Amino acid sequence: MQQYMVLYRDDAVMAPADPPLAFQCSADDADHAEEQLLDAEPAAEVLWIVQTDNADEAYNDYWGNTPA
């Protein structure tokens, strides 16, 4: 299993301008990571899935930033 970060929104608890929430899990692949998120947070809207255990890396990848 690999470490994944799934970035997601839950409009029931978030304002439109809020950054995505992050969900960390161990999964076989990205589909499995998404399934785990949706099991934990059924109202979640998946935005991004990245193979990492670091939320900063996931946000940087999502927003197209690369560390200096």
C-alpha atoms as a PDB file:
ATOM      1  CA  MET A   1       0.000   0.000   0.000  1.00  0.00           C
ATOM      2  CA  GLN A   2       1.039   3.565  -0.693  1.00  0.00           C
ATOM      3  CA  GLN A   3       0.296   6.838   1.097  1.00  0.00           C
ATOM      4  CA  TYR A   4      -2.207   9.150  -0.613  1.00  0.00           C
ATOM      5  CA  MET A   5      -3.617  12.613  -0.005  1.00  0.00           C
ATOM      6  CA  VAL A   6      -7.089  13.276  -1.368  1.00  0.00           C
ATOM      7  CA  LEU A   7      -8.061  16.942  -1.606  1.00  0.00           C
ATOM      8  CA  TYR A   8     -11.777  17.530  -1.455  1.00  0.00           C
ATOM      9  CA  ARG A   9     -14.633  19.945  -0.789  1.00  0.00           C
ATOM     10  CA  ASP A  10     -17.694  19.567   1.372  1.00  0.00           C
ATOM     11  CA  ASP A  11     -20.014  22.432   0.522  1.00  0.00           C
ATOM     12  CA  ALA A  12     -22.114  21.754   3.622  1.00  0.00           C
ATOM     13  CA  VAL A  13     -19.259  22.935   5.879  1.00  0.00           C
ATOM     14  CA  MET A  14     -17.162  25.137   3.581  1.00  0.00           C
ATOM     15  CA  ALA A  15     -17.421  28.653   2.184  1.00  0.00           C
ATOM     16  CA  PRO A  16     -16.853  29.002  -1.585  1.00  0.00           C
ATOM     17  CA  ALA A  17     -13.391  30.546  -1.157  1.00  0.00           C
ATOM     18  CA  ASP A  18     -12.126  27.996   1.400  1.00  0.00           C
ATOM     19  CA  PRO A  19      -9.162  25.889   0.300  1.00  0.00           C
ATOM     20  CA  PRO A  20      -9.760  22.162  -0.138  1.00  0.00           C
ATOM     21  CA  LEU A  21      -9.665  19.834   2.831  1.00  0.00           C
ATOM     22  CA  ALA A  22      -7.067  17.038   2.874  1.00  0.00           C
ATOM     23  CA  PHE A  23      -7.662  13.360   3.642  1.00  0.00           C
ATOM     24  CA  GLN A  24      -4.673  11.056   4.175  1.00  0.00           C
ATOM     25  CA  CYS A  25      -4.866   7.296   3.764  1.00  0.00           C
ATOM     26  CA  SER A  26      -3.011   4.133   2.774  1.00  0.00           C
ATOM     27  CA  ALA A  27      -4.397   2.686  -0.436  1.00  0.00           C
ATOM     28  CA  ASP A  28      -3.615   0.301  -3.286  1.00  0.00           C
ATOM     29  CA  ASP A  29      -4.179   3.027  -5.892  1.00  0.00           C
ATOM     30  CA  ALA A  30      -5.885   6.397  -6.429  1.00  0.00           C
ATOM     31  CA  ASP A  31      -9.305   4.781  -6.956  1.00  0.00           C
ATOM     32  CA  HIS A  32      -8.967   2.986  -3.627  1.00  0.00           C
ATOM     33  CA  ALA A  33      -7.970   6.267  -1.938  1.00  0.00           C
ATOM     34  CA  GLU A  34     -11.067   7.959  -3.384  1.00  0.00           C
ATOM     35  CA  GLU A  35     -13.242   5.093  -2.171  1.00  0.00           C
ATOM     36  CA  GLN A  36     -11.835   5.431   1.348  1.00  0.00           C
ATOM     37  CA  LEU A  37     -12.554   9.171   1.394  1.00  0.00           C
ATOM     38  CA  LEU A  38     -16.123   8.674   0.204  1.00  0.00           C
ATOM     39  CA  ASP A  39     -16.653   5.989   2.852  1.00  0.00           C
ATOM     40  CA  ALA A  40     -15.484   8.459   5.527  1.00  0.00           C
ATOM     41  CA  GLU A  41     -17.059  11.605   4.018  1.00  0.00           C
ATOM     42  CA  PRO A  42     -20.002  10.665   1.755  1.00  0.00           C
ATOM     43  CA  ALA A  43     -20.750  14.301   0.830  1.00  0.00           C
ATOM     44  CA  ALA A  44     -17.197  14.962  -0.333  1.00  0.00           C
ATOM     45  CA  GLU A  45     -16.434  16.235  -3.818  1.00  0.00           C
ATOM     46  CA  VAL A  46     -13.032  14.844  -4.808  1.00  0.00           C
ATOM     47  CA  LEU A  47     -10.784  17.487  -6.367  1.00  0.00           C
ATOM     48  CA  TRP A  48      -7.302  15.966  -6.474  1.00  0.00           C
ATOM     49  CA  ILE A  49      -5.510  12.750  -5.525  1.00  0.00           C
ATOM     50  CA  VAL A  50      -1.771  12.583  -5.084  1.00  0.00           C
ATOM     51  CA  GLN A  51       0.544   9.807  -3.921  1.00  0.00           C
ATOM     52  CA  THR A  52       2.208  11.420  -0.902  1.00  0.00           C
ATOM     53  CA  ASP A  53       1.898  11.595   2.863  1.00  0.00           C
ATOM     54  CA  ASN A  54       2.610  15.341   2.877  1.00  0.00           C
ATOM     55  CA  ALA A  55      -0.340  17.736   2.678  1.00  0.00           C
ATOM     56  CA  ASP A  56       1.896  20.634   1.554  1.00  0.00           C
ATOM     57  CA  GLU A  57       3.079  18.584  -1.425  1.00  0.00           C
ATOM     58  CA  ALA A  58      -0.511  17.735  -2.316  1.00  0.00           C
ATOM     59  CA  TYR A  59      -1.587  21.400  -2.169  1.00  0.00           C
ATOM     60  CA  ASN A  60       1.445  22.479  -4.209  1.00  0.00           C
ATOM     61  CA  ASP A  61       0.641  19.880  -6.836  1.00  0.00           C
ATOM     62  CA  TYR A  62      -3.029  20.916  -6.904  1.00  0.00           C
ATOM     63  CA  TRP A  63      -2.244  24.604  -7.313  1.00  0.00           C
ATOM     64  CA  GLY A  64       0.580  23.977  -9.796  1.00  0.00           C
ATOM     65  CA  ASN A  65       3.322  25.231  -7.504  1.00  0.00           C
ATOM     66  CA  THR A  66       6.726  23.698  -7.362  1.00  0.00           C
ATOM     67  CA  PRO A  67       8.962  24.133  -4.331  1.00  0.00           C
ATOM     68  CA  ALA A  68      11.950  26.415  -4.805  1.00  0.00           C
END
